[in-house]
C-alpha atoms as a PDB file:
ATOM      1  CA  MET A   1      99.585 -24.912 144.991  1.00  0.00           C
ATOM      2  CA  ASN A   2     100.395 -27.687 147.552  1.00  0.00           C
ATOM      3  CA  GLN A   3     103.812 -29.114 146.407  1.00  0.00           C
ATOM      4  CA  TYR A   4     106.243 -30.414 148.514  1.00  0.00           C
ATOM      5  CA  ILE A   5     109.907 -31.971 147.177  1.00  0.00           C
ATOM      6  CA  ILE A   6     110.694 -34.937 149.395  1.00  0.00           C
ATOM      7  CA  PRO A   7     114.307 -35.544 149.456  1.00  0.00           C
ATOM      8  CA  ALA A   8     115.623 -38.797 147.753  1.00  0.00           C
ATOM      9  CA  ASN A   9     117.128 -39.981 150.923  1.00  0.00           C
ATOM     10  CA  SER A  10     114.033 -39.547 153.248  1.00  0.00           C
ATOM     11  CA  LYS A  11     113.823 -43.451 153.927  1.00  0.00           C
ATOM     12  CA  LYS A  12     117.371 -43.889 155.329  1.00  0.00           C
ATOM     13  CA  SER A  13     116.395 -41.706 158.060  1.00  0.00           C
ATOM     14  CA  GLN A  14     114.244 -44.227 159.426  1.00  0.00           C
ATOM     15  CA  LEU A  15     117.168 -46.995 159.349  1.00  0.00           C
ATOM     16  CA  TYR A  16     119.640 -47.211 161.721  1.00  0.00           C
ATOM     17  CA  PHE A  17     122.773 -46.010 160.748  1.00  0.00           C
ATOM     18  CA  GLY A  18     121.286 -45.087 157.770  1.00  0.00           C
ATOM     19  CA  LEU A  19     121.595 -48.793 156.513  1.00  0.00           C
ATOM     20  CA  PHE A  20     120.189 -51.240 158.595  1.00  0.00           C
ATOM     21  CA  ARG A  21     116.487 -52.361 159.771  1.00  0.00           C
ATOM     22  CA  GLY A  22     116.237 -54.046 163.349  1.00  0.00           C
ATOM     23  CA  ILE A  23     116.139 -57.265 161.899  1.00  0.00           C
ATOM     24  CA  ASP A  24     119.006 -56.533 159.821  1.00  0.00           C
ATOM     25  CA  LEU A  25     121.322 -55.754 162.852  1.00  0.00           C
ATOM     26  CA  ILE A  26     120.106 -58.668 164.906  1.00  0.00           C
ATOM     27  CA  VAL A  27     121.062 -61.166 162.408  1.00  0.00           C
ATOM     28  CA  LEU A  28     124.572 -59.435 161.991  1.00  0.00           C
ATOM     29  CA  MET A  29     124.741 -59.595 165.850  1.00  0.00           C
ATOM     30  CA  THR A  30     123.815 -62.787 166.092  1.00  0.00           C
ATOM     31  CA  GLY A  31     126.384 -64.133 163.476  1.00  0.00           C
ATOM     32  CA  GLY A  32     128.975 -61.722 165.346  1.00  0.00           C
ATOM     33  CA  LEU A  33     128.506 -63.711 168.610  1.00  0.00           C
ATOM     34  CA  LEU A  34     128.436 -66.884 167.137  1.00  0.00           C
ATOM     35  CA  THR A  35     131.791 -66.099 165.529  1.00  0.00           C
ATOM     36  CA  LEU A  36     133.594 -64.979 168.699  1.00  0.00           C
ATOM     37  CA  VAL A  37     131.864 -68.202 170.442  1.00  0.00           C
ATOM     38  CA  LEU A  38     133.581 -70.474 168.150  1.00  0.00           C
ATOM     39  CA  LEU A  39     136.828 -68.604 167.561  1.00  0.00           C
ATOM     40  CA  LEU A  40     137.019 -69.012 171.288  1.00  0.00           C
ATOM     41  CA  ALA A  41     135.882 -72.538 171.783  1.00  0.00           C
ATOM     42  CA  MET A  42     137.447 -74.220 168.500  1.00  0.00           C
ATOM     43  CA  LYS A  43     140.852 -75.144 168.787  1.00  0.00           C
ATOM     44  CA  GLY A  44     143.209 -75.154 165.343  1.00  0.00           C
ATOM     45  CA  ASP A  45     144.721 -73.164 162.921  1.00  0.00           C
ATOM     46  CA  THR A  46     144.292 -74.581 159.647  1.00  0.00           C
ATOM     47  CA  LEU A  47     142.336 -73.194 156.499  1.00  0.00           C
ATOM     48  CA  LEU A  48     139.534 -75.304 157.100  1.00  0.00           C
ATOM     49  CA  SER A  49     138.710 -74.396 161.215  1.00  0.00           C
ATOM     50  CA  MET A  50     139.412 -70.753 160.268  1.00  0.00           C
ATOM     51  CA  VAL A  51     136.318 -70.761 157.528  1.00  0.00           C
ATOM     52  CA  LEU A  52     134.110 -72.469 159.831  1.00  0.00           C
ATOM     53  CA  LYS A  53     134.923 -70.338 162.445  1.00  0.00           C
ATOM     54  CA  LEU A  54     134.308 -67.282 159.823  1.00  0.00           C
ATOM     55  CA  LEU A  55     131.358 -68.771 158.295  1.00  0.00           C
ATOM     56  CA  PRO A  56     128.594 -67.257 160.561  1.00  0.00           C
ATOM     57  CA  ILE A  57     129.775 -63.748 160.558  1.00  0.00           C
ATOM     58  CA  GLY A  58     130.211 -64.324 156.256  1.00  0.00           C
ATOM     59  CA  THR A  59     127.039 -65.408 156.201  1.00  0.00           C
ATOM     60  CA  ALA A  60     125.238 -62.798 158.391  1.00  0.00           C
ATOM     61  CA  ALA A  61     126.997 -60.040 156.507  1.00  0.00           C
ATOM     62  CA  PHE A  62     126.045 -61.476 152.945  1.00  0.00           C
ATOM     63  CA  LEU A  63     122.371 -61.284 154.160  1.00  0.00           C
ATOM     64  CA  VAL A  64     122.437 -57.742 155.220  1.00  0.00           C
ATOM     65  CA  PHE A  65     124.557 -56.412 152.140  1.00  0.00           C
ATOM     66  CA  PRO A  66     122.657 -53.804 150.293  1.00  0.00           C
ATOM     67  CA  ILE A  67     121.596 -54.609 146.666  1.00  0.00           C
ATOM     68  CA  PRO A  68     120.039 -52.254 144.046  1.00  0.00           C
ATOM     69  CA  TYR A  69     116.350 -52.450 143.952  1.00  0.00           C
ATOM     70  CA  TYR A  70     116.257 -54.149 147.379  1.00  0.00           C
ATOM     71  CA  HIS A  71     116.846 -53.430 150.570  1.00  0.00           C
ATOM     72  CA  ASN A  72     119.211 -56.200 151.217  1.00  0.00           C
ATOM     73  CA  VAL A  73     120.026 -59.882 149.890  1.00  0.00           C
ATOM     74  CA  MET A  74     117.669 -60.987 152.812  1.00  0.00           C
ATOM     75  CA  VAL A  75     114.740 -58.865 151.336  1.00  0.00           C
ATOM     76  CA  PHE A  76     115.515 -60.484 147.641  1.00  0.00           C
ATOM     77  CA  ILE A  77     115.684 -63.647 148.940  1.00  0.00           C
ATOM     78  CA  ARG A  78     112.073 -63.477 150.939  1.00  0.00           C
ATOM     79  CA  GLU A  79     110.650 -61.474 148.098  1.00  0.00           C
ATOM     80  CA  MET A  80     111.752 -64.175 145.295  1.00  0.00           C
ATOM     81  CA  TYR A  81     110.525 -66.849 147.973  1.00  0.00           C
ATOM     82  CA  LEU A  82     107.050 -64.951 147.777  1.00  0.00           C
ATOM     83  CA  TYR A  83     107.273 -64.703 144.223  1.00  0.00           C
ATOM     84  CA  TYR A  84     107.597 -68.453 143.701  1.00  0.00           C
ATOM     85  CA  THR A  85     105.213 -69.680 146.007  1.00  0.00           C
ATOM     86  CA  ARG A  86     101.983 -67.735 145.907  1.00  0.00           C
ATOM     87  CA  PRO A  87     101.942 -67.282 141.851  1.00  0.00           C
ATOM     88  CA  ARG A  88      99.491 -64.420 140.838  1.00  0.00           C
ATOM     89  CA  LYS A  89      98.112 -63.627 137.583  1.00  0.00           C
ATOM     90  CA  TYR A  90      99.086 -60.524 135.956  1.00  0.00           C
ATOM     91  CA  TYR A  91      96.792 -58.666 133.395  1.00  0.00           C
ATOM     92  CA  TRP A  92      98.606 -56.626 130.931  1.00  0.00           C
ATOM     93  CA  ARG A  93      96.730 -53.191 130.938  1.00  0.00           C
ATOM     94  CA  GLY A  94      99.447 -50.964 129.032  1.00  0.00           C
ATOM     95  CA  TRP A  95     100.442 -47.392 129.805  1.00  0.00           C
ATOM     96  CA  CYS A  96      96.935 -46.122 129.558  1.00  0.00           C
ATOM     97  CA  ALA A  97      94.911 -46.171 132.335  1.00  0.00           C
ATOM     98  CA  THR A  98      91.842 -45.797 131.069  1.00  0.00           C
ATOM     99  CA  TYR A  99      90.534 -47.773 127.523  1.00  0.00           C
ATOM    100  CA  GLU A 100      88.242 -45.734 124.704  1.00  0.00           C
ATOM    101  CA  GLN A 101      86.216 -47.716 122.325  1.00  0.00           C
ATOM    102  CA  GLU A 102      85.770 -45.665 118.982  1.00  0.00           C
END
């Protein structure tokens, strides 16, 4: 009898640092680089200017933040977009795989 136990975290070994996909790291690094450029290029230390300077890294961190039932917010937004732009008709079949007539 060939029964294999798959560990619950087997997918995490395929991710960078056990949390990020390649595109997630690219988004996070791009947000960090853009924030660094804005911090060095823009003058001003008011609250509004600091919010504008930190907006790219905040947005990138929000997109790669993990949420339950999805990998992260970016995957959730993509799935929600695909669900609403490509509607399908789902047929209810119940919990039974086969139907029998009497």
